Each structure stands twice: as structure tokens, then as C-alpha cells.
């Protein structure tokens, strides 16, 4: 899913229900990958995270698709 977002194949948010900070280490890793240039856009731009299901639903409803510099355009050579 993340790869497809980075390639511009889809424009959907990805959500992490971060109950009791379970996903905090993954979010730190993604931030590090972005800082080091291994991800083309800010990981938090695509990744919706919340601590409760109602918060997640609200956050997904407010999601705005970030601009992504695509690696490849389908149909182009």
C-alpha cells in the first residue's frame, strides 16, 4: 500500500490505530526513512494515526491527498 502511494497508483490514506503507543516505533522509523530520503514524501502526510476508533474515523474523513512527485507515469516510456 505504501509503495503504491509513493508510485502514485492510489490516493488513499493509510491508517494506524495507535492504541497505547503500539505503532510509535514504526512511526519513528518512517520519519527516519523520510529524513534520509528513502521516502519521497513526508510519511505523516499519508499516514493517518489515532488512538481510538472514533478519532481514526474523524481523521480519515479529514484526510487531504498530499502532492507526490511520481516515480513513473503509467503509459509513459
N, C-alpha and C. Protein backbone atom coordinates (compact mmCIF):
# COMPACT_ATOMS: atom_id res chain seq x y z
N UNK A 1 0.82 -1.18 0.00
CA UNK A 1 0.00 0.00 0.00
C UNK A 1 0.87 1.25 0.00
N UNK A 2 1.90 1.24 0.84
CA UNK A 2 2.79 2.42 0.90
C UNK A 2 3.49 2.63 -0.43
N UNK A 3 3.97 1.54 -1.02
CA UNK A 3 4.66 1.62 -2.31
C UNK A 3 3.74 2.21 -3.37
N UNK A 4 2.52 1.74 -3.42
CA UNK A 4 1.57 2.24 -4.41
C UNK A 4 1.30 3.74 -4.20
N UNK A 5 1.23 4.17 -2.97
CA UNK A 5 1.04 5.60 -2.71
C UNK A 5 2.25 6.38 -3.21
N UNK A 6 3.44 5.88 -2.95
CA UNK A 6 4.66 6.55 -3.39
C UNK A 6 4.78 6.58 -4.91
N UNK A 7 4.26 5.54 -5.57
CA UNK A 7 4.30 5.48 -7.03
C UNK A 7 3.16 6.26 -7.68
N UNK A 8 2.21 6.72 -6.88
CA UNK A 8 1.09 7.47 -7.41
C UNK A 8 -0.01 6.59 -7.97
N UNK A 9 0.00 5.29 -7.64
CA UNK A 9 -1.02 4.36 -8.13
C UNK A 9 -2.35 4.59 -7.43
N UNK A 10 -2.33 4.95 -6.16
CA UNK A 10 -3.57 5.26 -5.44
C UNK A 10 -3.41 6.53 -4.63
N UNK A 11 -4.53 7.09 -4.24
CA UNK A 11 -4.53 8.35 -3.50
C UNK A 11 -5.33 8.19 -2.21
N UNK A 12 -5.21 7.05 -1.57
CA UNK A 12 -5.98 6.74 -0.37
C UNK A 12 -5.09 6.84 0.87
N UNK A 13 -5.68 7.25 1.99
CA UNK A 13 -4.88 7.32 3.22
C UNK A 13 -4.63 5.92 3.79
N UNK A 14 -3.62 5.84 4.60
CA UNK A 14 -3.33 4.61 5.33
C UNK A 14 -3.46 4.96 6.81
N UNK A 15 -4.09 4.10 7.57
CA UNK A 15 -4.34 4.42 8.96
C UNK A 15 -3.68 3.45 9.93
N UNK A 16 -3.19 3.99 11.01
CA UNK A 16 -2.66 3.19 12.11
C UNK A 16 -3.46 3.52 13.36
N UNK A 17 -4.14 2.53 13.89
CA UNK A 17 -4.84 2.71 15.15
C UNK A 17 -3.81 2.46 16.25
N UNK A 18 -3.30 3.54 16.79
CA UNK A 18 -2.13 3.51 17.67
C UNK A 18 -2.54 3.40 19.14
N UNK A 19 -3.13 2.28 19.50
CA UNK A 19 -3.58 2.05 20.87
C UNK A 19 -2.37 1.91 21.79
N UNK A 20 -2.34 2.73 22.83
CA UNK A 20 -1.28 2.73 23.84
C UNK A 20 0.13 2.86 23.23
N UNK A 21 0.23 3.59 22.11
CA UNK A 21 1.54 3.85 21.50
C UNK A 21 2.18 2.67 20.80
N UNK A 22 1.39 1.65 20.47
CA UNK A 22 1.94 0.43 19.87
C UNK A 22 2.75 0.74 18.60
N UNK A 23 2.26 1.64 17.76
CA UNK A 23 2.91 1.92 16.49
C UNK A 23 3.94 3.05 16.56
N UNK A 24 4.24 3.57 17.73
CA UNK A 24 5.20 4.66 17.86
C UNK A 24 6.57 4.31 17.26
N UNK A 25 7.11 3.10 17.49
CA UNK A 25 8.40 2.77 16.86
C UNK A 25 8.34 2.75 15.33
N UNK A 26 7.24 2.28 14.77
CA UNK A 26 7.11 2.28 13.30
C UNK A 26 7.05 3.71 12.78
N UNK A 27 6.32 4.56 13.45
CA UNK A 27 6.24 5.96 13.02
C UNK A 27 7.60 6.63 13.10
N UNK A 28 8.40 6.30 14.12
CA UNK A 28 9.75 6.85 14.23
C UNK A 28 10.62 6.36 13.08
N UNK A 29 10.49 5.09 12.72
CA UNK A 29 11.25 4.54 11.60
C UNK A 29 10.86 5.23 10.30
N UNK A 30 9.57 5.41 10.06
CA UNK A 30 9.12 6.07 8.83
C UNK A 30 9.62 7.50 8.77
N UNK A 31 9.61 8.19 9.90
CA UNK A 31 10.15 9.54 9.95
C UNK A 31 11.63 9.55 9.58
N UNK A 32 12.38 8.60 10.13
CA UNK A 32 13.81 8.49 9.82
C UNK A 32 14.02 8.21 8.33
N UNK A 33 13.22 7.31 7.76
CA UNK A 33 13.34 7.00 6.33
C UNK A 33 13.07 8.24 5.49
N UNK A 34 12.09 9.03 5.89
CA UNK A 34 11.81 10.26 5.16
C UNK A 34 12.95 11.25 5.26
N UNK A 35 13.50 11.41 6.46
CA UNK A 35 14.63 12.32 6.67
C UNK A 35 15.83 11.92 5.83
N UNK A 36 16.07 10.63 5.71
CA UNK A 36 17.22 10.12 4.97
C UNK A 36 16.98 10.03 3.46
N UNK A 37 15.77 10.36 3.02
CA UNK A 37 15.48 10.39 1.58
C UNK A 37 15.02 9.09 0.98
N UNK A 38 14.69 8.11 1.79
CA UNK A 38 14.22 6.83 1.26
C UNK A 38 12.73 6.85 0.92
N UNK A 39 12.02 7.86 1.40
CA UNK A 39 10.62 8.06 1.04
C UNK A 39 10.53 9.40 0.35
N UNK A 40 9.72 9.48 -0.67
CA UNK A 40 9.65 10.71 -1.46
C UNK A 40 8.78 11.79 -0.83
N UNK A 41 7.94 11.44 0.09
CA UNK A 41 7.11 12.46 0.73
C UNK A 41 7.11 12.22 2.24
N UNK A 42 6.61 13.19 2.96
CA UNK A 42 6.53 13.10 4.40
C UNK A 42 5.62 11.93 4.78
N UNK A 43 6.11 10.96 5.55
CA UNK A 43 5.28 9.82 5.93
C UNK A 43 3.99 10.21 6.62
N UNK A 44 4.03 11.26 7.45
CA UNK A 44 2.82 11.68 8.16
C UNK A 44 1.79 12.31 7.23
N UNK A 45 2.19 12.67 6.01
CA UNK A 45 1.22 13.22 5.07
C UNK A 45 0.23 12.15 4.62
N UNK A 46 0.69 10.91 4.50
CA UNK A 46 -0.17 9.80 4.06
C UNK A 46 -0.70 8.98 5.21
N UNK A 47 0.02 8.94 6.29
CA UNK A 47 -0.31 8.04 7.39
C UNK A 47 -1.20 8.74 8.41
N UNK A 48 -2.42 8.27 8.49
CA UNK A 48 -3.36 8.80 9.47
C UNK A 48 -3.23 7.95 10.72
N UNK A 49 -3.02 8.60 11.86
CA UNK A 49 -2.89 7.83 13.09
C UNK A 49 -3.77 8.44 14.16
N UNK A 50 -4.31 7.57 14.98
CA UNK A 50 -5.19 7.98 16.07
C UNK A 50 -5.14 6.92 17.16
N UNK A 51 -5.59 7.30 18.35
CA UNK A 51 -5.56 6.37 19.49
C UNK A 51 -6.87 5.64 19.70
N UNK A 52 -7.96 6.15 19.12
CA UNK A 52 -9.26 5.50 19.27
C UNK A 52 -9.94 5.39 17.91
N UNK A 53 -10.89 4.47 17.80
CA UNK A 53 -11.60 4.28 16.54
C UNK A 53 -12.37 5.54 16.12
N UNK A 54 -13.09 6.21 17.02
CA UNK A 54 -13.78 7.44 16.61
C UNK A 54 -12.81 8.52 16.11
N UNK A 55 -11.66 8.65 16.76
CA UNK A 55 -10.64 9.60 16.31
C UNK A 55 -10.14 9.22 14.92
N UNK A 56 -9.96 7.91 14.68
CA UNK A 56 -9.49 7.45 13.38
C UNK A 56 -10.50 7.78 12.28
N UNK A 57 -11.77 7.52 12.55
CA UNK A 57 -12.80 7.81 11.55
C UNK A 57 -12.81 9.30 11.22
N UNK A 58 -12.72 10.15 12.24
CA UNK A 58 -12.67 11.59 12.00
C UNK A 58 -11.44 11.99 11.20
N UNK A 59 -10.29 11.43 11.56
CA UNK A 59 -9.04 11.76 10.86
C UNK A 59 -9.09 11.31 9.40
N UNK A 60 -9.63 10.14 9.15
CA UNK A 60 -9.74 9.65 7.77
C UNK A 60 -10.69 10.55 6.96
N UNK A 61 -11.75 11.01 7.59
CA UNK A 61 -12.70 11.89 6.90
C UNK A 61 -12.06 13.23 6.54
N UNK A 62 -11.09 13.69 7.34
CA UNK A 62 -10.42 14.97 7.08
C UNK A 62 -9.20 14.83 6.18
N UNK A 63 -8.84 13.62 5.80
CA UNK A 63 -7.63 13.38 5.01
C UNK A 63 -7.64 14.17 3.71
N UNK A 64 -6.54 14.83 3.42
CA UNK A 64 -6.35 15.51 2.15
C UNK A 64 -5.14 14.88 1.47
N UNK A 65 -5.31 14.54 0.21
CA UNK A 65 -4.25 13.86 -0.54
C UNK A 65 -3.05 14.79 -0.71
N UNK A 66 -1.87 14.35 -0.27
CA UNK A 66 -0.68 15.19 -0.44
C UNK A 66 -0.16 15.13 -1.88
N UNK A 67 0.58 16.12 -2.25
CA UNK A 67 1.23 16.13 -3.56
C UNK A 67 2.38 15.13 -3.54
N UNK A 68 2.45 14.31 -4.55
CA UNK A 68 3.51 13.31 -4.63
C UNK A 68 4.24 13.47 -5.96
N UNK A 69 5.55 13.56 -5.88
CA UNK A 69 6.35 13.56 -7.10
C UNK A 69 6.46 12.12 -7.55
N UNK A 70 5.78 11.79 -8.63
CA UNK A 70 5.70 10.40 -9.06
C UNK A 70 7.00 9.92 -9.65
N UNK A 71 7.28 8.65 -9.42
CA UNK A 71 8.46 8.00 -9.97
C UNK A 71 8.25 7.71 -11.45
N UNK A 72 7.01 7.40 -11.80
CA UNK A 72 6.71 6.88 -13.13
C UNK A 72 5.26 7.19 -13.43
N UNK A 73 4.98 7.54 -14.65
CA UNK A 73 3.60 7.75 -15.07
C UNK A 73 3.20 6.58 -15.95
N UNK A 74 2.09 5.95 -15.59
CA UNK A 74 1.64 4.80 -16.34
C UNK A 74 1.39 5.19 -17.79
N UNK A 75 1.85 4.37 -18.71
CA UNK A 75 1.68 4.64 -20.13
C UNK A 75 2.81 5.43 -20.75
N UNK A 76 3.73 5.95 -19.94
CA UNK A 76 4.88 6.70 -20.46
C UNK A 76 6.07 5.78 -20.61
N UNK A 77 6.94 6.10 -21.50
CA UNK A 77 8.16 5.30 -21.66
C UNK A 77 9.36 6.06 -21.15
